[in-house]
N, C-alpha and C. Protein backbone atom coordinates (compact mmCIF):
# COMPACT_ATOMS: atom_id res chain seq x y z
N MET A 1 195.82 242.30 93.26
CA MET A 1 197.08 242.09 92.35
C MET A 1 197.12 240.67 91.78
N GLU A 2 197.43 240.68 90.50
CA GLU A 2 197.33 239.47 89.78
C GLU A 2 198.51 238.63 89.85
N ILE A 3 198.29 237.44 89.94
CA ILE A 3 199.37 236.52 89.98
C ILE A 3 199.74 235.73 88.71
N LYS A 4 201.07 235.89 88.24
CA LYS A 4 201.51 235.16 87.07
C LYS A 4 201.54 233.75 87.32
N LEU A 5 201.05 232.84 86.54
CA LEU A 5 201.01 231.41 86.61
C LEU A 5 202.40 230.85 86.18
N PHE A 6 202.74 231.26 85.00
CA PHE A 6 204.05 230.78 84.45
C PHE A 6 205.21 231.51 85.15
N GLN A 7 206.10 230.96 85.71
CA GLN A 7 207.10 231.44 86.56
C GLN A 7 208.47 231.13 85.81
N LYS A 8 209.25 232.26 85.71
CA LYS A 8 210.57 232.14 85.08
C LYS A 8 211.62 231.41 85.94
N THR A 9 211.82 231.62 87.21
CA THR A 9 212.74 231.02 88.03
C THR A 9 212.12 230.57 89.34
N GLN A 10 212.75 229.69 90.18
CA GLN A 10 212.31 229.18 91.23
C GLN A 10 211.96 230.31 92.29
N ARG A 11 212.80 231.40 92.17
CA ARG A 11 212.64 232.48 93.16
C ARG A 11 211.42 233.18 92.76
N ASP A 12 211.05 233.31 91.47
CA ASP A 12 209.71 233.98 91.12
C ASP A 12 208.55 233.18 91.68
N LEU A 13 208.80 231.88 91.49
CA LEU A 13 207.84 230.89 91.92
C LEU A 13 207.51 231.05 93.47
N ALA A 14 208.64 231.07 94.20
CA ALA A 14 208.51 231.19 95.69
C ALA A 14 208.05 232.61 96.02
N ALA A 15 208.16 233.62 95.35
CA ALA A 15 207.57 234.95 95.55
C ALA A 15 206.16 234.76 95.35
N SER A 16 205.64 234.17 94.45
CA SER A 16 204.19 234.15 93.94
C SER A 16 203.51 233.19 95.23
N ILE A 17 204.11 232.21 95.51
CA ILE A 17 203.66 231.27 96.47
C ILE A 17 203.38 232.14 97.87
N ASN A 18 204.49 232.69 98.20
CA ASN A 18 204.35 233.60 99.44
C ASN A 18 203.36 234.74 99.41
N ASN A 19 203.06 235.27 98.24
CA ASN A 19 202.30 236.27 97.96
C ASN A 19 200.67 235.72 98.21
N VAL A 20 200.56 234.65 97.54
CA VAL A 20 199.20 233.89 97.67
C VAL A 20 198.99 233.54 99.10
N ILE A 21 199.82 233.01 99.76
CA ILE A 21 199.54 232.40 101.18
C ILE A 21 199.49 233.38 102.04
N ASP A 22 200.36 234.51 101.86
CA ASP A 22 200.25 235.60 103.02
C ASP A 22 198.81 236.44 102.85
N ARG A 23 198.45 236.63 101.46
CA ARG A 23 197.08 237.22 101.22
C ARG A 23 196.03 236.42 101.67
N TYR A 24 195.91 235.01 101.77
CA TYR A 24 195.22 234.23 102.48
C TYR A 24 195.04 234.29 103.99
N TRP A 25 196.35 234.35 104.58
CA TRP A 25 196.42 234.72 106.18
C TRP A 25 196.04 236.08 106.51
N GLU A 26 196.08 236.98 105.49
CA GLU A 26 195.61 238.44 105.88
C GLU A 26 194.20 238.52 105.34
N ASP A 27 193.54 237.58 105.15
CA ASP A 27 192.00 237.45 104.68
C ASP A 27 191.53 238.31 103.34
N GLU A 28 192.79 238.56 102.62
CA GLU A 28 192.44 239.23 101.37
C GLU A 28 191.83 238.44 100.42
N ILE A 29 192.04 237.19 100.44
CA ILE A 29 191.49 236.06 99.57
C ILE A 29 191.09 234.85 100.32
N ASP A 30 189.94 234.18 99.91
CA ASP A 30 189.34 233.15 100.58
C ASP A 30 190.07 231.80 100.39
N GLU A 31 189.67 230.88 101.13
CA GLU A 31 190.47 229.62 101.14
C GLU A 31 190.44 228.93 99.78
N SER A 32 189.27 229.01 99.12
CA SER A 32 189.17 228.40 97.88
C SER A 32 190.03 228.92 96.80
N LYS A 33 190.18 230.22 96.83
CA LYS A 33 190.82 230.95 95.79
C LYS A 33 192.51 230.67 96.15
N MET A 34 192.74 230.59 97.37
CA MET A 34 194.17 230.28 97.59
C MET A 34 194.58 228.87 97.16
N ILE A 35 193.49 228.03 97.35
CA ILE A 35 193.81 226.53 96.81
C ILE A 35 194.02 226.40 95.45
N GLU A 36 192.99 227.06 94.88
CA GLU A 36 193.04 227.25 93.25
C GLU A 36 194.39 227.72 92.74
N LEU A 37 194.74 228.77 93.35
CA LEU A 37 196.14 229.59 92.84
C LEU A 37 197.13 228.56 92.96
N ILE A 38 197.30 228.01 94.32
CA ILE A 38 198.66 227.25 94.69
C ILE A 38 198.41 226.01 93.65
N GLN A 39 197.43 225.44 93.53
CA GLN A 39 197.22 224.16 92.60
C GLN A 39 197.61 224.50 91.00
N LYS A 40 197.19 225.72 90.67
CA LYS A 40 197.58 226.13 89.36
C LYS A 40 198.99 226.36 89.36
N LEU A 41 199.59 227.17 90.14
CA LEU A 41 201.18 227.22 90.16
C LEU A 41 201.78 226.10 90.16
N TYR A 42 201.44 224.94 91.03
CA TYR A 42 201.97 223.66 90.90
C TYR A 42 201.84 222.89 89.57
N ALA A 43 200.79 222.92 88.95
CA ALA A 43 200.50 222.20 87.82
C ALA A 43 201.34 223.00 86.78
N ILE A 44 201.56 224.10 86.63
CA ILE A 44 202.16 224.69 85.61
C ILE A 44 203.76 224.76 85.74
N ASN A 45 204.29 224.71 86.96
CA ASN A 45 205.50 225.03 87.42
C ASN A 45 206.16 223.67 88.11
N LYS A 46 205.72 222.54 87.75
CA LYS A 46 206.08 221.26 88.51
C LYS A 46 207.60 221.07 88.87
N SER A 47 208.33 221.46 87.62
CA SER A 47 209.81 221.15 87.60
C SER A 47 210.50 222.06 88.59
N LYS A 48 209.99 223.41 88.71
CA LYS A 48 210.46 224.24 89.75
C LYS A 48 210.01 224.12 91.04
N PHE A 49 209.09 223.21 91.50
CA PHE A 49 208.49 222.99 92.65
C PHE A 49 209.26 221.78 93.34
N ILE A 50 209.30 220.74 92.57
CA ILE A 50 209.83 219.39 93.09
C ILE A 50 211.21 218.82 92.35
N LYS A 51 212.05 218.57 93.08
CA LYS A 51 213.32 217.98 92.53
C LYS A 51 213.51 216.78 93.47
N GLU A 52 213.58 215.46 92.76
CA GLU A 52 213.92 214.24 93.44
C GLU A 52 213.09 214.11 94.57
N GLY A 53 211.79 214.26 94.57
CA GLY A 53 210.78 213.96 95.46
C GLY A 53 210.50 215.01 96.78
N LYS A 54 211.38 216.07 96.67
CA LYS A 54 211.31 217.07 97.71
C LYS A 54 210.99 218.43 97.04
N TYR A 55 210.67 219.35 97.94
CA TYR A 55 210.65 220.78 97.39
C TYR A 55 211.94 221.25 97.11
N THR A 56 212.16 222.18 96.14
CA THR A 56 213.36 222.45 95.69
C THR A 56 214.00 223.25 96.85
N THR A 57 215.33 223.53 96.91
CA THR A 57 216.17 224.01 98.03
C THR A 57 215.63 225.57 98.08
N ILE A 58 215.58 226.19 96.81
CA ILE A 58 215.08 227.53 96.84
C ILE A 58 213.78 227.64 97.32
N LEU A 59 212.92 226.90 97.01
CA LEU A 59 211.44 226.81 97.60
C LEU A 59 211.50 226.89 99.10
N ARG A 60 212.20 225.75 99.57
CA ARG A 60 212.31 225.63 101.02
C ARG A 60 212.85 226.85 101.71
N GLN A 61 213.87 227.48 101.24
CA GLN A 61 214.52 228.58 101.78
C GLN A 61 213.65 229.76 101.78
N GLN A 62 213.06 230.04 100.59
CA GLN A 62 212.21 231.34 100.43
C GLN A 62 210.91 231.19 101.09
N CYS A 63 210.18 230.21 101.12
CA CYS A 63 208.85 229.87 101.41
C CYS A 63 208.80 229.53 102.92
N GLY A 64 209.73 228.84 103.58
CA GLY A 64 209.68 228.47 105.06
C GLY A 64 208.67 227.43 105.36
N LYS A 65 208.86 226.98 106.39
CA LYS A 65 208.21 225.71 106.83
C LYS A 65 206.50 225.92 106.98
N ARG A 66 206.20 227.06 107.50
CA ARG A 66 204.61 227.20 107.75
C ARG A 66 204.06 227.22 106.30
N ARG A 67 204.53 227.78 105.27
CA ARG A 67 203.95 228.03 104.09
C ARG A 67 204.12 226.63 103.40
N LEU A 68 205.13 225.93 103.56
CA LEU A 68 205.19 224.51 102.72
C LEU A 68 204.25 223.63 103.56
N GLU A 69 203.87 223.70 104.77
CA GLU A 69 202.97 223.03 105.39
C GLU A 69 201.51 223.32 104.82
N VAL A 70 201.44 224.50 104.32
CA VAL A 70 200.10 224.92 103.72
C VAL A 70 200.06 224.19 102.42
N ILE A 71 201.17 224.18 101.71
CA ILE A 71 201.12 223.60 100.33
C ILE A 71 200.93 222.11 100.34
N ASP A 72 201.53 221.40 101.39
CA ASP A 72 201.39 220.08 101.55
C ASP A 72 199.92 219.61 101.76
N GLN A 73 199.17 220.54 102.30
CA GLN A 73 197.77 220.23 102.51
C GLN A 73 196.93 220.41 100.96
N VAL A 74 197.41 221.34 100.09
CA VAL A 74 196.91 221.81 99.10
C VAL A 74 197.17 221.07 97.87
N ILE A 75 198.29 220.34 97.54
CA ILE A 75 198.78 219.68 96.46
C ILE A 75 199.15 218.17 96.95
N ASP A 76 199.06 217.43 95.79
CA ASP A 76 199.29 215.95 95.87
C ASP A 76 200.49 215.81 94.99
N TYR A 77 201.77 215.48 95.65
CA TYR A 77 202.99 215.44 94.71
C TYR A 77 203.62 214.22 94.95
């Protein structure tokens, strides 16, 4: 399954993040691929990721605490 890097909405971004991390947890992609995809999603969609120094509300609601902990380890914001 292909991941679109340019996301239209925060909900689309959250769905892509969930997809990447879930595929990693299910051993469908390796750790380096997961890190690469999350970093690319972050770089291209920064304004949908972070508002006022925190993850956006939509991202927090849609991704959940465990996935955001993974993202914390992967990106520097």
